[in-house]
Amino acid sequence: MTVSASAYKNNGLNLFTAFFIGFLSIVGLQGCSSSSSTTPVVADQDASGIFKSGTAELNSGATMLNDLRAFVHNGRIIVFSVSGHLLFDGQITGITGDDYTATVDVYEAGLKTQSTVAVTGKVTSESQITGTITGTGDASGTFTLTFDTAYNTPATEAIAIIHPDDWEGDLLSQFSFAGETPTPFDNTDMYDNTGSIGIAGSIKDSNNVQICEYLGTVTIPDSTINIYSFNLSAPNSAFNQANCTDFTFGQNFTGLNSVLSETGTQKDLIIAFTDGTQAVFGVLTQP
């Protein structure tokens, strides 16, 4: 049987068409497979804020906390629990997507016990921050905190109040004075001093007698947010210097604080500061 040239042509066309359709099918399937496995890109998150309602499971579950507070500002991160007598203070070293890394010093009962401990975790801008800390004891485990929308309240000089309407309460510390056992700070005064916010305060002994006074300043680094920068130099040389045995001249504490409404209409001052050796932190209230 003789095959015509047109038949060869038609067969060749049919083979080419089948091959081309098969090629498109393979490419299409590969494209679908590739797109289904693509992980969405997460933009670099912003960890800045004040955080509340924090919980932690530390030391292999031996320490469970539910009162964590945190500040994150200009890369500095301070996480603390008054009930746990525990504070972490350090720097966020990097954020990629929602993953962050940090190193922190650990303060237990007001004294530094561990240095440059690694922390890794996740953060979602104005939502949540979590962390895994890799130290020892209560500096090992995980924590989670929720963003406090009060962070977006513009800072004012509401932090400055006139004596005797002081911020009052106990700030956890490990200071001792004139033979006293470690005594919390108390009775902190804040006032407007020629355009800057000055801070003066006193420490009382177990008999509620003022035994030492300290001085410092508070600044507003960004008027659009509710974070204040704290700097304290102690003691006040004009008052009971001899009793301030745990203070030295030029000693410099730095920290962060916020004015919040934690107890109804009452104003509260959330405050935490360190000097590289000791930490002082807690909640003060207006009377």
Protein backbone atom coordinates (compact mmCIF):
# COMPACT_ATOMS: atom_id res chain seq x y z
CA MET A 1 0.00 0.00 0.00
CA THR A 2 1.27 3.37 -0.90
CA VAL A 3 1.11 6.12 1.76
CA SER A 4 0.57 9.59 0.40
CA ALA A 5 2.70 12.57 1.35
CA SER A 6 -0.34 14.23 2.90
CA ALA A 7 -0.79 11.28 5.25
CA TYR A 8 2.81 11.65 6.44
CA LYS A 9 2.14 15.31 6.96
CA ASN A 10 -1.03 14.68 8.95
CA ASN A 11 0.63 12.01 11.11
CA GLY A 12 3.52 14.32 11.87
CA LEU A 13 1.14 17.10 12.82
CA ASN A 14 -0.82 14.79 15.09
CA LEU A 15 2.35 13.63 16.85
CA PHE A 16 3.53 17.22 17.33
CA THR A 17 0.13 18.26 18.70
CA ALA A 18 0.09 15.33 21.17
CA PHE A 19 3.65 16.13 22.28
CA PHE A 20 2.87 19.84 22.74
CA ILE A 21 -0.29 19.12 24.79
CA GLY A 22 1.67 16.69 26.98
CA PHE A 23 4.40 19.29 27.51
CA LEU A 24 1.87 21.91 28.59
CA SER A 25 0.29 19.43 30.99
CA ILE A 26 3.64 18.68 32.64
CA VAL A 27 4.52 22.36 32.96
CA GLY A 28 1.08 23.09 34.35
CA LEU A 29 1.37 20.37 36.97
CA GLN A 30 4.81 21.54 38.01
CA GLY A 31 3.53 25.08 38.33
CA CYS A 32 0.65 23.98 40.56
CA SER A 33 2.98 21.92 42.72
CA SER A 34 5.42 24.80 43.13
CA SER A 35 2.77 27.38 44.06
CA SER A 36 1.11 25.12 46.64
CA SER A 37 4.37 24.68 48.58
CA THR A 38 5.38 28.35 48.61
CA THR A 39 5.59 29.83 52.14
CA PRO A 40 4.16 33.35 52.39
CA VAL A 41 6.80 35.98 53.10
CA VAL A 42 6.33 37.67 56.49
CA ALA A 43 7.39 41.30 56.66
CA ASP A 44 9.83 42.21 59.41
CA GLN A 45 7.75 42.86 62.53
CA ASP A 46 8.14 45.70 65.04
CA ALA A 47 8.70 44.55 68.63
CA SER A 48 8.29 48.02 70.15
CA GLY A 49 5.68 48.33 72.86
CA ILE A 50 4.60 47.71 76.39
CA PHE A 51 3.25 44.25 77.10
CA LYS A 52 0.97 42.76 79.76
CA SER A 53 -0.85 39.58 80.79
CA GLY A 54 2.38 37.65 80.49
CA THR A 55 2.81 34.02 81.44
CA ALA A 56 5.98 31.96 81.76
CA GLU A 57 6.92 28.35 82.28
CA LEU A 58 10.48 28.30 83.61
CA ASN A 59 12.97 25.87 85.12
CA SER A 60 11.37 22.78 83.51
CA GLY A 61 7.95 23.80 84.83
CA ALA A 62 9.07 24.33 88.43
CA THR A 63 8.32 28.07 88.15
CA MET A 64 5.01 29.18 86.63
CA LEU A 65 4.32 32.93 86.41
CA ASN A 66 1.25 34.87 85.28
CA ASP A 67 2.14 38.51 86.02
CA LEU A 68 4.83 39.26 83.45
CA ARG A 69 5.24 42.80 82.17
CA ALA A 70 7.59 43.99 79.45
CA PHE A 71 8.96 47.09 77.76
CA VAL A 72 10.58 47.11 74.32
CA HIS A 73 11.99 50.46 73.19
CA ASN A 74 14.85 51.27 70.79
CA GLY A 75 15.89 47.64 70.90
CA ARG A 76 16.03 47.41 74.70
CA ILE A 77 13.85 44.67 76.14
CA ILE A 78 12.93 44.42 79.83
CA VAL A 79 10.70 41.55 80.98
CA PHE A 80 9.84 41.21 84.66
CA SER A 81 7.64 39.47 87.21
CA VAL A 82 7.11 41.02 90.63
CA SER A 83 5.71 37.79 92.09
CA GLY A 84 8.65 35.82 90.73
CA HIS A 85 11.23 38.43 91.83
CA LEU A 86 12.66 38.04 88.34
CA LEU A 87 13.79 40.48 85.63
CA PHE A 88 15.45 40.08 82.21
CA ASP A 89 17.13 43.16 80.72
CA GLY A 90 18.94 43.26 77.40
CA GLN A 91 18.90 44.03 73.69
CA ILE A 92 17.05 42.63 70.70
CA THR A 93 19.86 41.83 68.27
CA GLY A 94 17.80 41.12 65.16
CA ILE A 95 14.33 40.63 63.66
CA THR A 96 13.74 38.67 60.47
CA GLY A 97 10.09 38.33 59.56
CA ASP A 98 8.42 37.46 62.86
CA ASP A 99 11.53 35.80 64.34
CA TYR A 100 13.73 37.76 66.74
CA THR A 101 16.92 37.14 68.70
CA ALA A 102 18.08 38.86 71.88
CA THR A 103 20.55 38.62 74.72
CA VAL A 104 19.59 39.53 78.29
CA ASP A 105 21.07 39.79 81.76
CA VAL A 106 19.12 37.98 84.46
CA TYR A 107 18.28 39.55 87.81
CA GLU A 108 16.88 37.36 90.56
CA ALA A 109 15.57 39.01 93.74
CA GLY A 110 17.16 42.25 92.53
CA LEU A 111 20.69 40.94 91.91
CA LYS A 112 22.28 40.02 88.58
CA THR A 113 22.91 36.27 88.46
CA GLN A 114 23.49 35.55 84.75
CA SER A 115 24.82 37.60 81.82
CA THR A 116 24.16 37.73 78.04
CA VAL A 117 21.73 34.82 78.03
CA ALA A 118 20.34 34.03 74.56
CA VAL A 119 16.63 34.51 73.84
CA THR A 120 14.82 33.55 70.64
CA GLY A 121 11.16 33.99 69.85
CA LYS A 122 8.42 35.40 67.68
CA VAL A 123 6.79 38.81 67.63
CA THR A 124 3.76 40.21 65.85
CA SER A 125 3.60 44.00 65.64
CA GLU A 126 1.22 45.44 68.24
CA SER A 127 -0.08 41.97 69.11
CA GLN A 128 2.15 39.49 70.92
CA ILE A 129 5.71 38.56 71.81
CA THR A 130 6.95 35.11 72.82
CA GLY A 131 10.37 33.93 73.85
CA THR A 132 12.52 30.97 74.76
CA ILE A 133 15.31 31.83 77.19
CA THR A 134 18.30 29.50 77.38
CA GLY A 135 19.93 30.23 80.74
CA THR A 136 19.81 28.06 83.82
CA GLY A 137 17.18 27.69 86.54
CA ASP A 138 14.48 30.35 86.30
CA ALA A 139 16.30 31.80 83.30
CA SER A 140 15.35 28.78 81.20
CA GLY A 141 11.96 28.19 79.61
CA THR A 142 9.32 30.07 77.65
CA PHE A 143 7.20 33.20 78.04
CA THR A 144 4.33 34.90 76.22
CA LEU A 145 3.03 38.47 76.57
CA THR A 146 0.24 40.47 74.94
CA PHE A 147 0.65 43.97 73.50
CA ASP A 148 -0.90 46.69 75.66
CA THR A 149 -2.78 49.24 73.52
CA ALA A 150 -2.01 51.86 76.19
CA TYR A 151 1.39 52.03 74.49
CA ASN A 152 -0.20 54.24 71.83
CA THR A 153 -1.33 56.83 74.37
CA PRO A 154 0.75 60.00 73.88
CA ALA A 155 3.27 60.59 76.66
CA THR A 156 2.70 63.69 78.75
CA GLU A 157 4.05 65.02 81.99
CA ALA A 158 1.26 63.20 83.82
CA ILE A 159 4.10 61.23 85.33
CA ALA A 160 5.08 64.39 87.21
CA ILE A 161 3.13 64.94 90.42
CA ILE A 162 3.72 67.33 93.26
CA HIS A 163 4.75 66.25 96.76
CA PRO A 164 3.06 65.10 98.99
CA ASP A 165 0.82 63.37 96.39
CA ASP A 166 3.59 60.90 95.62
CA TRP A 167 3.67 57.73 93.63
CA GLU A 168 3.68 55.18 96.43
CA GLY A 169 4.31 51.50 96.86
CA ASP A 170 7.06 48.92 97.01
CA LEU A 171 9.59 48.41 94.27
CA LEU A 172 11.46 45.14 94.53
CA SER A 173 15.17 45.59 95.17
CA GLN A 174 18.05 44.13 97.15
CA PHE A 175 19.25 47.30 98.78
CA SER A 176 19.94 47.42 102.51
CA PHE A 177 20.50 50.54 104.57
CA ALA A 178 22.09 51.15 107.95
CA GLY A 179 21.92 47.50 108.94
CA GLU A 180 18.40 46.96 107.62
CA THR A 181 17.46 43.87 105.67
CA PRO A 182 16.77 44.50 101.94
CA THR A 183 14.05 47.12 101.89
CA PRO A 184 11.87 48.05 98.92
CA PHE A 185 11.76 51.59 97.59
CA ASP A 186 8.80 53.61 98.74
CA ASN A 187 7.29 57.07 98.49
CA THR A 188 8.58 58.27 95.14
CA ASP A 189 8.02 61.94 94.28
CA MET A 190 7.97 63.28 90.72
CA TYR A 191 7.85 66.93 89.76
CA ASP A 192 8.37 69.29 86.84
CA ASN A 193 11.81 70.84 87.06
CA THR A 194 12.41 73.69 84.59
CA GLY A 195 10.94 71.86 81.66
CA SER A 196 12.37 68.42 82.39
CA ILE A 197 10.79 65.87 84.68
CA GLY A 198 12.82 65.48 87.84
CA ILE A 199 12.39 62.59 90.22
CA ALA A 200 13.10 62.58 93.92
CA GLY A 201 12.23 59.84 96.32
CA SER A 202 12.96 58.21 99.59
CA ILE A 203 13.50 54.74 100.97
CA LYS A 204 11.94 53.80 104.29
CA ASP A 205 13.05 51.23 106.82
CA SER A 206 10.86 48.54 108.38
CA ASN A 207 9.50 51.12 110.84
CA ASN A 208 8.39 53.37 107.95
CA VAL A 209 11.11 55.91 108.75
CA GLN A 210 12.76 57.64 105.80
CA ILE A 211 16.44 56.68 105.80
CA CYS A 212 17.76 57.47 102.33
CA GLU A 213 16.86 59.77 99.45
CA TYR A 214 17.58 59.46 95.74
CA LEU A 215 17.42 61.82 92.75
CA GLY A 216 16.97 61.30 89.04
CA THR A 217 15.33 62.44 85.83
CA VAL A 218 12.64 61.16 83.49
CA THR A 219 12.56 62.03 79.78
CA ILE A 220 10.00 61.53 77.03
CA PRO A 221 11.86 59.97 74.10
CA ASP A 222 8.79 59.97 71.83
CA SER A 223 5.70 62.01 72.70
CA THR A 224 3.44 59.74 70.62
CA ILE A 225 3.94 56.68 72.83
CA ASN A 226 3.48 55.87 76.51
CA ILE A 227 7.09 55.13 77.40
CA TYR A 228 9.32 57.24 79.61
CA SER A 229 13.08 56.88 79.94
CA PHE A 230 14.37 56.78 83.50
CA ASN A 231 17.77 57.79 84.84
CA LEU A 232 18.63 57.75 88.54
CA SER A 233 21.77 58.94 90.29
CA ALA A 234 21.94 58.24 94.00
CA PRO A 235 22.15 59.14 96.76
CA ASN A 236 21.14 62.73 97.37
CA SER A 237 24.21 64.01 99.18
CA ALA A 238 22.12 66.49 101.13
CA PHE A 239 20.09 63.85 102.92
CA ASN A 240 21.21 60.97 105.14
CA GLN A 241 24.19 60.10 102.99
CA ALA A 242 25.65 57.86 105.71
CA ASN A 243 22.59 55.60 105.63
CA CYS A 244 22.73 55.03 101.88
CA THR A 245 25.30 52.27 102.25
CA ASP A 246 24.32 50.39 99.08
CA PHE A 247 24.58 53.50 96.90
CA THR A 248 27.75 55.08 95.58
CA PHE A 249 28.12 58.53 94.04
CA GLY A 250 27.81 58.48 90.29
CA GLN A 251 25.95 55.17 90.39
CA ASN A 252 23.75 55.19 87.32
CA PHE A 253 20.48 53.31 86.96
CA THR A 254 18.62 53.44 83.66
CA GLY A 255 15.24 52.02 82.79
CA LEU A 256 11.79 52.49 81.34
CA ASN A 257 8.36 53.23 82.78
CA SER A 258 4.77 53.86 81.72
CA VAL A 259 1.75 55.54 83.30
CA LEU A 260 -1.19 53.15 83.09
CA SER A 261 -4.62 52.63 84.58
CA GLU A 262 -4.38 49.21 86.16
CA THR A 263 -6.86 49.64 89.01
CA GLY A 264 -9.90 51.44 87.68
CA THR A 265 -9.52 55.21 87.80
CA GLN A 266 -6.32 55.01 89.81
CA LYS A 267 -3.12 55.80 87.96
CA ASP A 268 -0.29 53.32 88.16
CA LEU A 269 3.39 53.68 87.36
CA ILE A 270 4.97 50.54 85.88
CA ILE A 271 8.71 50.93 86.36
CA ALA A 272 11.90 48.90 85.92
CA PHE A 273 15.54 49.98 86.00
CA THR A 274 18.99 48.43 86.42
CA ASP A 275 22.63 49.47 86.82
CA GLY A 276 24.31 46.31 85.54
CA THR A 277 24.52 44.85 89.05
CA GLN A 278 21.13 45.40 90.64
CA ALA A 279 17.55 45.77 89.42
CA VAL A 280 14.61 47.69 90.88
CA PHE A 281 11.11 47.18 89.51
CA GLY A 282 7.43 47.05 90.32
CA VAL A 283 4.22 49.06 90.31
CA LEU A 284 3.68 52.35 92.14
CA THR A 285 0.26 53.95 92.58
CA GLN A 286 -1.09 57.37 93.37
CA PRO A 287 -2.80 57.59 96.79
